[in-house]
Amino acid sequence: MVGGLGEARNVNNEEVDIVLALKAKVVEKTGSVEAFEPVKVRTQTVAGTNYFFAIGLGETRYAHVRIHKPLSGEPTVVAVKKDLRKEDEIEYFEA
């Protein structure tokens, strides 16, 4: 659906590659991490794609990361919500 946020689902290989390429930027915003495991994602089709990832950072630490991938060009980290739990729902958020 264009403009709407899709349902949460497991991350595919292409999405794992996108978020892993930006791991250093995410860690800058979350602080040190014990792990870095993208577990769920929601997407939004805009002028490109917004990805809203749930990422496991350790045994009980999670962050939600918003990445924008334009139609042409490289993906960038737009915003990070940290200090979350596994059960926290992925929702739309701004920078």
C-alpha atoms as a PDB file:
ATOM      1  CA  MET A   1       0.000   0.000   0.000  1.00  0.00           C
ATOM      2  CA  VAL A   2       1.484   3.353  -1.026  1.00  0.00           C
ATOM      3  CA  GLY A   3       1.894   5.688   1.954  1.00  0.00           C
ATOM      4  CA  GLY A   4       0.621   3.261   4.586  1.00  0.00           C
ATOM      5  CA  LEU A   5       2.817   1.292   6.960  1.00  0.00           C
ATOM      6  CA  GLY A   6       2.814  -2.441   6.180  1.00  0.00           C
ATOM      7  CA  GLU A   7       2.401  -5.200   8.727  1.00  0.00           C
ATOM      8  CA  ALA A   8       5.360  -6.318  10.838  1.00  0.00           C
ATOM      9  CA  ARG A   9       7.107  -9.336   9.348  1.00  0.00           C
ATOM     10  CA  ASN A  10      10.412 -11.203   9.444  1.00  0.00           C
ATOM     11  CA  VAL A  11      13.355  -9.472   7.786  1.00  0.00           C
ATOM     12  CA  ASN A  12      14.482 -10.831   4.390  1.00  0.00           C
ATOM     13  CA  ASN A  13      18.104 -11.106   3.184  1.00  0.00           C
ATOM     14  CA  GLU A  14      18.029  -7.863   1.176  1.00  0.00           C
ATOM     15  CA  GLU A  15      16.726  -5.952   4.197  1.00  0.00           C
ATOM     16  CA  VAL A  16      19.383  -7.502   6.444  1.00  0.00           C
ATOM     17  CA  ASP A  17      22.027  -6.244   4.003  1.00  0.00           C
ATOM     18  CA  ILE A  18      20.550  -2.716   4.087  1.00  0.00           C
ATOM     19  CA  VAL A  19      20.580  -2.463   7.877  1.00  0.00           C
ATOM     20  CA  LEU A  20      23.965  -4.150   8.308  1.00  0.00           C
ATOM     21  CA  ALA A  21      25.521  -1.654   5.887  1.00  0.00           C
ATOM     22  CA  LEU A  22      24.359   1.085   8.269  1.00  0.00           C
ATOM     23  CA  LYS A  23      25.247  -0.703  11.528  1.00  0.00           C
ATOM     24  CA  ALA A  24      27.961   1.803  12.505  1.00  0.00           C
ATOM     25  CA  LYS A  25      25.500   4.723  12.195  1.00  0.00           C
ATOM     26  CA  VAL A  26      22.927   2.875  14.296  1.00  0.00           C
ATOM     27  CA  VAL A  27      25.478   1.992  17.004  1.00  0.00           C
ATOM     28  CA  GLU A  28      26.518   5.671  17.159  1.00  0.00           C
ATOM     29  CA  LYS A  29      22.942   6.464  18.186  1.00  0.00           C
ATOM     30  CA  THR A  30      22.302   3.486  20.492  1.00  0.00           C
ATOM     31  CA  GLY A  31      25.648   3.252  22.249  1.00  0.00           C
ATOM     32  CA  SER A  32      27.583   0.029  22.664  1.00  0.00           C
ATOM     33  CA  VAL A  33      25.784  -3.183  21.789  1.00  0.00           C
ATOM     34  CA  GLU A  34      26.228  -6.844  22.711  1.00  0.00           C
ATOM     35  CA  ALA A  35      24.496  -8.002  19.521  1.00  0.00           C
ATOM     36  CA  PHE A  36      23.003  -6.559  16.351  1.00  0.00           C
ATOM     37  CA  GLU A  37      20.171  -8.708  15.046  1.00  0.00           C
ATOM     38  CA  PRO A  38      17.430  -7.298  12.809  1.00  0.00           C
ATOM     39  CA  VAL A  39      14.354  -9.338  13.774  1.00  0.00           C
ATOM     40  CA  LYS A  40      11.265  -7.601  12.358  1.00  0.00           C
ATOM     41  CA  VAL A  41      10.501  -4.886   9.822  1.00  0.00           C
ATOM     42  CA  ARG A  42       7.614  -2.777   8.611  1.00  0.00           C
ATOM     43  CA  THR A  43       7.860  -0.874   5.346  1.00  0.00           C
ATOM     44  CA  GLN A  44       6.258   2.228   3.907  1.00  0.00           C
ATOM     45  CA  THR A  45       6.314   3.064   0.195  1.00  0.00           C
ATOM     46  CA  VAL A  46       7.013   6.761  -0.355  1.00  0.00           C
ATOM     47  CA  ALA A  47       9.498   8.307  -2.817  1.00  0.00           C
ATOM     48  CA  GLY A  48      11.456   5.121  -2.238  1.00  0.00           C
ATOM     49  CA  THR A  49      10.970   2.982   0.863  1.00  0.00           C
ATOM     50  CA  ASN A  50      10.991   3.685   4.580  1.00  0.00           C
ATOM     51  CA  TYR A  51      12.081   0.679   6.612  1.00  0.00           C
ATOM     52  CA  PHE A  52      11.179   0.477  10.299  1.00  0.00           C
ATOM     53  CA  PHE A  53      13.392  -2.241  11.803  1.00  0.00           C
ATOM     54  CA  ALA A  54      13.261  -3.861  15.235  1.00  0.00           C
ATOM     55  CA  ILE A  55      16.845  -4.746  16.112  1.00  0.00           C
ATOM     56  CA  GLY A  56      18.017  -6.879  19.025  1.00  0.00           C
ATOM     57  CA  LEU A  57      21.015  -5.241  20.704  1.00  0.00           C
ATOM     58  CA  GLY A  58      21.565  -7.750  23.476  1.00  0.00           C
ATOM     59  CA  GLU A  59      19.687 -10.114  25.740  1.00  0.00           C
ATOM     60  CA  THR A  60      16.859  -7.685  26.560  1.00  0.00           C
ATOM     61  CA  ARG A  61      17.758  -4.491  24.645  1.00  0.00           C
ATOM     62  CA  TYR A  62      16.031  -3.517  21.427  1.00  0.00           C
ATOM     63  CA  ALA A  63      15.944  -0.472  19.194  1.00  0.00           C
ATOM     64  CA  HIS A  64      13.681   0.592  16.368  1.00  0.00           C
ATOM     65  CA  VAL A  65      15.525   2.064  13.417  1.00  0.00           C
ATOM     66  CA  ARG A  66      14.004   4.034  10.555  1.00  0.00           C
ATOM     67  CA  ILE A  67      15.970   3.845   7.313  1.00  0.00           C
ATOM     68  CA  HIS A  68      15.008   5.608   4.094  1.00  0.00           C
ATOM     69  CA  LYS A  69      16.064   4.106   0.768  1.00  0.00           C
ATOM     70  CA  PRO A  70      15.334   6.579  -2.055  1.00  0.00           C
ATOM     71  CA  LEU A  71      14.403   5.447  -5.560  1.00  0.00           C
ATOM     72  CA  SER A  72      17.985   6.194  -6.588  1.00  0.00           C
ATOM     73  CA  GLY A  73      20.828   6.613  -4.151  1.00  0.00           C
ATOM     74  CA  GLU A  74      21.983   5.064  -0.926  1.00  0.00           C
ATOM     75  CA  PRO A  75      19.896   4.258   2.166  1.00  0.00           C
ATOM     76  CA  THR A  76      20.321   6.489   5.222  1.00  0.00           C
ATOM     77  CA  VAL A  77      19.433   6.226   8.896  1.00  0.00           C
ATOM     78  CA  VAL A  78      16.625   8.724   9.571  1.00  0.00           C
ATOM     79  CA  ALA A  79      15.860   8.039  13.238  1.00  0.00           C
ATOM     80  CA  VAL A  80      16.479   5.621  16.101  1.00  0.00           C
ATOM     81  CA  LYS A  81      14.310   4.818  19.127  1.00  0.00           C
ATOM     82  CA  LYS A  82      16.354   3.055  21.782  1.00  0.00           C
ATOM     83  CA  ASP A  83      15.772   1.423  25.170  1.00  0.00           C
ATOM     84  CA  LEU A  84      12.901  -0.696  23.878  1.00  0.00           C
ATOM     85  CA  ARG A  85      11.786  -4.251  24.630  1.00  0.00           C
ATOM     86  CA  LYS A  86      11.151  -7.174  22.299  1.00  0.00           C
ATOM     87  CA  GLU A  87       7.390  -6.852  22.717  1.00  0.00           C
ATOM     88  CA  ASP A  88       7.285  -3.126  21.787  1.00  0.00           C
ATOM     89  CA  GLU A  89       5.317  -2.732  18.580  1.00  0.00           C
ATOM     90  CA  ILE A  90       7.011  -1.139  15.590  1.00  0.00           C
ATOM     91  CA  GLU A  91       5.177   2.102  14.842  1.00  0.00           C
ATOM     92  CA  TYR A  92       5.754   5.064  12.560  1.00  0.00           C
ATOM     93  CA  PHE A  93       8.129   7.635  14.089  1.00  0.00           C
ATOM     94  CA  GLU A  94       9.913  10.795  12.993  1.00  0.00           C
ATOM     95  CA  ALA A  95      13.518  11.847  13.401  1.00  0.00           C
END
